[in-house]
PDB file of N, CA and C in Angstrom:
ATOM      1  N   MET A   1     172.146 101.679-151.780  1.00  0.00           N
ATOM      2  CA  MET A   1     171.668 102.854-151.078  1.00  0.00           C
ATOM      3  C   MET A   1     170.696 102.430-149.984  1.00  0.00           C
ATOM      4  N   HIS A   2     170.776 103.070-148.851  1.00  0.00           N
ATOM      5  CA  HIS A   2     169.912 102.737-147.728  1.00  0.00           C
ATOM      6  C   HIS A   2     168.630 103.560-147.760  1.00  0.00           C
ATOM      7  N   SER A   3     167.564 102.942-147.271  1.00  0.00           N
ATOM      8  CA  SER A   3     166.298 103.672-147.179  1.00  0.00           C
ATOM      9  C   SER A   3     166.360 104.625-145.986  1.00  0.00           C
ATOM     10  N   ARG A   4     165.446 105.558-145.952  1.00  0.00           N
ATOM     11  CA  ARG A   4     165.384 106.500-144.829  1.00  0.00           C
ATOM     12  C   ARG A   4     165.094 105.756-143.525  1.00  0.00           C
ATOM     13  N   LYS A   5     164.279 104.707-143.599  1.00  0.00           N
ATOM     14  CA  LYS A   5     163.986 103.904-142.411  1.00  0.00           C
ATOM     15  C   LYS A   5     165.249 103.220-141.900  1.00  0.00           C
ATOM     16  N   GLN A   6     166.028 102.644-142.797  1.00  0.00           N
ATOM     17  CA  GLN A   6     167.275 101.983-142.397  1.00  0.00           C
ATOM     18  C   GLN A   6     168.239 102.986-141.771  1.00  0.00           C
ATOM     19  N   THR A   7     168.295 104.172-142.333  1.00  0.00           N
ATOM     20  CA  THR A   7     169.161 105.214-141.777  1.00  0.00           C
ATOM     21  C   THR A   7     168.684 105.626-140.387  1.00  0.00           C
ATOM     22  N   ALA A   8     167.380 105.769-140.217  1.00  0.00           N
ATOM     23  CA  ALA A   8     166.830 106.117-138.901  1.00  0.00           C
ATOM     24  C   ALA A   8     167.134 105.017-137.886  1.00  0.00           C
ATOM     25  N   GLU A   9     167.011 103.751-138.292  1.00  0.00           N
ATOM     26  CA  GLU A   9     167.344 102.632-137.406  1.00  0.00           C
ATOM     27  C   GLU A   9     168.816 102.687-137.005  1.00  0.00           C
ATOM     28  N   PHE A  10     169.681 103.013-137.952  1.00  0.00           N
ATOM     29  CA  PHE A  10     171.114 103.143-137.680  1.00  0.00           C
ATOM     30  C   PHE A  10     171.372 104.264-136.671  1.00  0.00           C
ATOM     31  N   ILE A  11     170.737 105.401-136.873  1.00  0.00           N
ATOM     32  CA  ILE A  11     170.911 106.536-135.961  1.00  0.00           C
ATOM     33  C   ILE A  11     170.502 106.140-134.543  1.00  0.00           C
ATOM     34  N   LEU A  12     169.366 105.482-134.404  1.00  0.00           N
ATOM     35  CA  LEU A  12     168.895 105.060-133.084  1.00  0.00           C
ATOM     36  C   LEU A  12     169.842 104.055-132.439  1.00  0.00           C
ATOM     37  N   ARG A  13     170.352 103.100-133.229  1.00  0.00           N
ATOM     38  CA  ARG A  13     171.304 102.102-132.694  1.00  0.00           C
ATOM     39  C   ARG A  13     172.586 102.768-132.226  1.00  0.00           C
ATOM     40  N   GLU A  14     173.123 103.656-133.037  1.00  0.00           N
ATOM     41  CA  GLU A  14     174.382 104.317-132.689  1.00  0.00           C
ATOM     42  C   GLU A  14     174.214 105.246-131.490  1.00  0.00           C
ATOM     43  N   ALA A  15     173.078 105.915-131.420  1.00  0.00           N
ATOM     44  CA  ALA A  15     172.813 106.776-130.263  1.00  0.00           C
ATOM     45  C   ALA A  15     172.762 105.944-128.989  1.00  0.00           C
ATOM     46  N   LEU A  16     172.064 104.825-129.032  1.00  0.00           N
ATOM     47  CA  LEU A  16     171.972 103.954-127.868  1.00  0.00           C
ATOM     48  C   LEU A  16     173.352 103.444-127.462  1.00  0.00           C
ATOM     49  N   ALA A  17     174.152 103.049-128.448  1.00  0.00           N
ATOM     50  CA  ALA A  17     175.502 102.557-128.168  1.00  0.00           C
ATOM     51  C   ALA A  17     176.379 103.637-127.528  1.00  0.00           C
ATOM     52  N   ALA A  18     176.123 104.886-127.861  1.00  0.00           N
ATOM     53  CA  ALA A  18     176.899 106.000-127.309  1.00  0.00           C
ATOM     54  C   ALA A  18     176.358 106.474-125.961  1.00  0.00           C
ATOM     55  N   GLY A  19     175.231 105.899-125.528  1.00  0.00           N
ATOM     56  CA  GLY A  19     174.638 106.312-124.267  1.00  0.00           C
ATOM     57  C   GLY A  19     173.660 107.456-124.398  1.00  0.00           C
ATOM     58  N   ILE A  20     173.285 107.757-125.625  1.00  0.00           N
ATOM     59  CA  ILE A  20     172.326 108.836-125.888  1.00  0.00           C
ATOM     60  C   ILE A  20     170.928 108.232-125.922  1.00  0.00           C
ATOM     61  N   ARG A  21     170.015 108.873-125.248  1.00  0.00           N
ATOM     62  CA  ARG A  21     168.629 108.423-125.235  1.00  0.00           C
ATOM     63  C   ARG A  21     167.791 109.351-126.105  1.00  0.00           C
ATOM     64  N   ILE A  22     166.910 108.749-126.886  1.00  0.00           N
ATOM     65  CA  ILE A  22     166.045 109.512-127.774  1.00  0.00           C
ATOM     66  C   ILE A  22     164.611 109.109-127.487  1.00  0.00           C
ATOM     67  N   GLY A  23     163.750 110.099-127.327  1.00  0.00           N
ATOM     68  CA  GLY A  23     162.347 109.840-127.060  1.00  0.00           C
ATOM     69  C   GLY A  23     161.461 110.761-127.877  1.00  0.00           C
ATOM     70  N   THR A  24     160.166 110.494-127.835  1.00  0.00           N
ATOM     71  CA  THR A  24     159.219 111.314-128.584  1.00  0.00           C
ATOM     72  C   THR A  24     157.862 111.300-127.906  1.00  0.00           C
ATOM     73  N   ASP A  25     157.110 112.353-128.158  1.00  0.00           N
ATOM     74  CA  ASP A  25     155.711 112.397-127.737  1.00  0.00           C
ATOM     75  C   ASP A  25     154.797 112.157-128.931  1.00  0.00           C
ATOM     76  N   GLY A  26     155.397 111.823-130.059  1.00  0.00           N
ATOM     77  CA  GLY A  26     154.643 111.597-131.282  1.00  0.00           C
ATOM     78  C   GLY A  26     154.725 112.742-132.261  1.00  0.00           C
ATOM     79  N   THR A  27     155.189 113.896-131.790  1.00  0.00           N
ATOM     80  CA  THR A  27     155.320 115.044-132.693  1.00  0.00           C
ATOM     81  C   THR A  27     156.722 115.623-132.690  1.00  0.00           C
ATOM     82  N   GLU A  28     157.395 115.545-131.539  1.00  0.00           N
ATOM     83  CA  GLU A  28     158.754 116.078-131.420  1.00  0.00           C
ATOM     84  C   GLU A  28     159.691 114.988-130.908  1.00  0.00           C
ATOM     85  N   VAL A  29     160.970 115.159-131.202  1.00  0.00           N
ATOM     86  CA  VAL A  29     161.988 114.230-130.729  1.00  0.00           C
ATOM     87  C   VAL A  29     162.831 114.936-129.669  1.00  0.00           C
ATOM     88  N   VAL A  30     163.116 114.211-128.590  1.00  0.00           N
ATOM     89  CA  VAL A  30     163.959 114.732-127.518  1.00  0.00           C
ATOM     90  C   VAL A  30     165.190 113.838-127.418  1.00  0.00           C
ATOM     91  N   MET A  31     166.349 114.478-127.294  1.00  0.00           N
ATOM     92  CA  MET A  31     167.608 113.750-127.166  1.00  0.00           C
ATOM     93  C   MET A  31     168.261 114.104-125.839  1.00  0.00           C
ATOM     94  N   LEU A  32     168.626 113.096-125.067  1.00  0.00           N
ATOM     95  CA  LEU A  32     169.351 113.289-123.818  1.00  0.00           C
ATOM     96  C   LEU A  32     170.712 112.641-123.967  1.00  0.00           C
ATOM     97  N   ALA A  33     171.749 113.477-123.945  1.00  0.00           N
ATOM     98  CA  ALA A  33     173.115 112.978-124.134  1.00  0.00           C
ATOM     99  C   ALA A  33     173.942 113.243-122.880  1.00  0.00           C
ATOM    100  N   PRO A  34     174.710 112.251-122.443  1.00  0.00           N
ATOM    101  CA  PRO A  34     175.583 112.471-121.283  1.00  0.00           C
ATOM    102  C   PRO A  34     176.613 113.558-121.584  1.00  0.00           C
ATOM    103  N   LEU A  35     177.060 114.236-120.553  1.00  0.00           N
ATOM    104  CA  LEU A  35     178.045 115.302-120.743  1.00  0.00           C
ATOM    105  C   LEU A  35     179.367 114.792-121.302  1.00  0.00           C
ATOM    106  N   LYS A  36     179.636 113.494-121.158  1.00  0.00           N
ATOM    107  CA  LYS A  36     180.885 112.945-121.687  1.00  0.00           C
ATOM    108  C   LYS A  36     180.903 112.902-123.219  1.00  0.00           C
ATOM    109  N   ILE A  37     179.737 113.056-123.849  1.00  0.00           N
ATOM    110  CA  ILE A  37     179.662 113.075-125.312  1.00  0.00           C
ATOM    111  C   ILE A  37     180.128 114.451-125.780  1.00  0.00           C
ATOM    112  N   PRO A  38     181.152 114.497-126.640  1.00  0.00           N
ATOM    113  CA  PRO A  38     181.645 115.797-127.129  1.00  0.00           C
ATOM    114  C   PRO A  38     180.542 116.593-127.847  1.00  0.00           C
ATOM    115  N   ILE A  39     180.629 117.898-127.739  1.00  0.00           N
ATOM    116  CA  ILE A  39     179.621 118.771-128.347  1.00  0.00           C
ATOM    117  C   ILE A  39     179.491 118.514-129.848  1.00  0.00           C
ATOM    118  N   ALA A  40     180.601 118.317-130.533  1.00  0.00           N
ATOM    119  CA  ALA A  40     180.541 118.068-131.977  1.00  0.00           C
ATOM    120  C   ALA A  40     179.757 116.793-132.282  1.00  0.00           C
ATOM    121  N   SER A  41     179.924 115.784-131.454  1.00  0.00           N
ATOM    122  CA  SER A  41     179.178 114.530-131.652  1.00  0.00           C
ATOM    123  C   SER A  41     177.695 114.740-131.383  1.00  0.00           C
ATOM    124  N   ARG A  42     177.384 115.517-130.361  1.00  0.00           N
ATOM    125  CA  ARG A  42     175.975 115.825-130.080  1.00  0.00           C
ATOM    126  C   ARG A  42     175.337 116.532-131.257  1.00  0.00           C
ATOM    127  N   ARG A  43     176.048 117.499-131.800  1.00  0.00           N
ATOM    128  CA  ARG A  43     175.521 118.257-132.946  1.00  0.00           C
ATOM    129  C   ARG A  43     175.300 117.339-134.154  1.00  0.00           C
ATOM    130  N   THR A  44     176.210 116.404-134.357  1.00  0.00           N
ATOM    131  CA  THR A  44     176.066 115.457-135.463  1.00  0.00           C
ATOM    132  C   THR A  44     174.794 114.634-135.288  1.00  0.00           C
ATOM    133  N   PHE A  45     174.571 114.131-134.063  1.00  0.00           N
ATOM    134  CA  PHE A  45     173.349 113.376-133.792  1.00  0.00           C
ATOM    135  C   PHE A  45     172.120 114.261-133.947  1.00  0.00           C
ATOM    136  N   GLU A  46     172.164 115.479-133.430  1.00  0.00           N
ATOM    137  CA  GLU A  46     171.029 116.395-133.560  1.00  0.00           C
ATOM    138  C   GLU A  46     170.666 116.629-135.022  1.00  0.00           C
ATOM    139  N   THR A  47     171.680 116.834-135.848  1.00  0.00           N
ATOM    140  CA  THR A  47     171.458 117.062-137.280  1.00  0.00           C
ATOM    141  C   THR A  47     170.847 115.839-137.944  1.00  0.00           C
ATOM    142  N   ALA A  48     171.389 114.665-137.629  1.00  0.00           N
ATOM    143  CA  ALA A  48     170.883 113.417-138.216  1.00  0.00           C
ATOM    144  C   ALA A  48     169.455 113.139-137.751  1.00  0.00           C
ATOM    145  N   ILE A  49     169.199 113.374-136.468  1.00  0.00           N
ATOM    146  CA  ILE A  49     167.859 113.151-135.924  1.00  0.00           C
ATOM    147  C   ILE A  49     166.864 114.093-136.586  1.00  0.00           C
ATOM    148  N   HIS A  50     167.237 115.340-136.729  1.00  0.00           N
ATOM    149  CA  HIS A  50     166.352 116.313-137.378  1.00  0.00           C
ATOM    150  C   HIS A  50     166.050 115.910-138.829  1.00  0.00           C
ATOM    151  N   ALA A  51     167.070 115.454-139.534  1.00  0.00           N
ATOM    152  CA  ALA A  51     166.909 115.084-140.945  1.00  0.00           C
ATOM    153  C   ALA A  51     166.016 113.853-141.124  1.00  0.00           C
ATOM    154  N   HIS A  52     165.929 113.007-140.094  1.00  0.00           N
ATOM    155  CA  HIS A  52     165.144 111.766-140.184  1.00  0.00           C
ATOM    156  C   HIS A  52     164.073 111.708-139.099  1.00  0.00           C
ATOM    157  N   GLN A  53     163.610 112.866-138.682  1.00  0.00           N
ATOM    158  CA  GLN A  53     162.684 112.968-137.561  1.00  0.00           C
ATOM    159  C   GLN A  53     161.422 112.131-137.758  1.00  0.00           C
ATOM    160  N   ASP A  54     160.799 112.205-138.915  1.00  0.00           N
ATOM    161  CA  ASP A  54     159.549 111.468-139.140  1.00  0.00           C
ATOM    162  C   ASP A  54     159.758 109.963-139.001  1.00  0.00           C
ATOM    163  N   GLU A  55     160.831 109.456-139.579  1.00  0.00           N
ATOM    164  CA  GLU A  55     161.111 108.019-139.514  1.00  0.00           C
ATOM    165  C   GLU A  55     161.457 107.593-138.083  1.00  0.00           C
ATOM    166  N   ILE A  56     162.203 108.438-137.369  1.00  0.00           N
ATOM    167  CA  ILE A  56     162.576 108.131-135.989  1.00  0.00           C
ATOM    168  C   ILE A  56     161.328 108.102-135.106  1.00  0.00           C
ATOM    169  N   ILE A  57     160.446 109.057-135.279  1.00  0.00           N
ATOM    170  CA  ILE A  57     159.196 109.063-134.500  1.00  0.00           C
ATOM    171  C   ILE A  57     158.396 107.799-134.787  1.00  0.00           C
ATOM    172  N   THR A  58     158.283 107.441-136.044  1.00  0.00           N
ATOM    173  CA  THR A  58     157.534 106.239-136.415  1.00  0.00           C
ATOM    174  C   THR A  58     158.125 105.002-135.757  1.00  0.00           C
ATOM    175  N   LEU A  59     159.451 104.867-135.788  1.00  0.00           N
ATOM    176  CA  LEU A  59     160.099 103.706-135.183  1.00  0.00           C
ATOM    177  C   LEU A  59     159.904 103.669-133.675  1.00  0.00           C
ATOM    178  N   ILE A  60     160.075 104.794-133.012  1.00  0.00           N
ATOM    179  CA  ILE A  60     159.906 104.833-131.567  1.00  0.00           C
ATOM    180  C   ILE A  60     158.466 104.521-131.180  1.00  0.00           C
ATOM    181  N   MET A  61     157.527 105.118-131.878  1.00  0.00           N
ATOM    182  CA  MET A  61     156.119 104.881-131.565  1.00  0.00           C
ATOM    183  C   MET A  61     155.723 103.426-131.828  1.00  0.00           C
ATOM    184  N   ALA A  62     156.405 102.778-132.761  1.00  0.00           N
ATOM    185  CA  ALA A  62     156.127 101.365-133.061  1.00  0.00           C
ATOM    186  C   ALA A  62     156.855 100.432-132.100  1.00  0.00           C
ATOM    187  N   GLY A  63     157.706 101.021-131.226  1.00  0.00           N
ATOM    188  CA  GLY A  63     158.427 100.211-130.249  1.00  0.00           C
ATOM    189  C   GLY A  63     159.623  99.482-130.816  1.00  0.00           C
ATOM    190  N   LYS A  64     160.176  99.996-131.912  1.00  0.00           N
ATOM    191  CA  LYS A  64     161.304  99.342-132.562  1.00  0.00           C
ATOM    192  C   LYS A  64     162.613 100.078-132.345  1.00  0.00           C
ATOM    193  N   SER A  65     162.693 100.881-131.305  1.00  0.00           N
ATOM    194  CA  SER A  65     163.936 101.616-131.062  1.00  0.00           C
ATOM    195  C   SER A  65     164.838 100.850-130.140  1.00  0.00           C
TER     196      SER A  65
END
């Protein structure tokens, strides 16, 4: 079983590979996805990002994204 941190790292890697950029101000996460990304895929990333928001913020703020 993967830890929440490992899952967040996976989400960030896959988003980057798909051309999706994820950023944070330390409290909220912002996702910028190219229009070529299908809506269903965007929603999947949005759901995953929301579910692991705290871990994703921690990783981005630590410079490990």
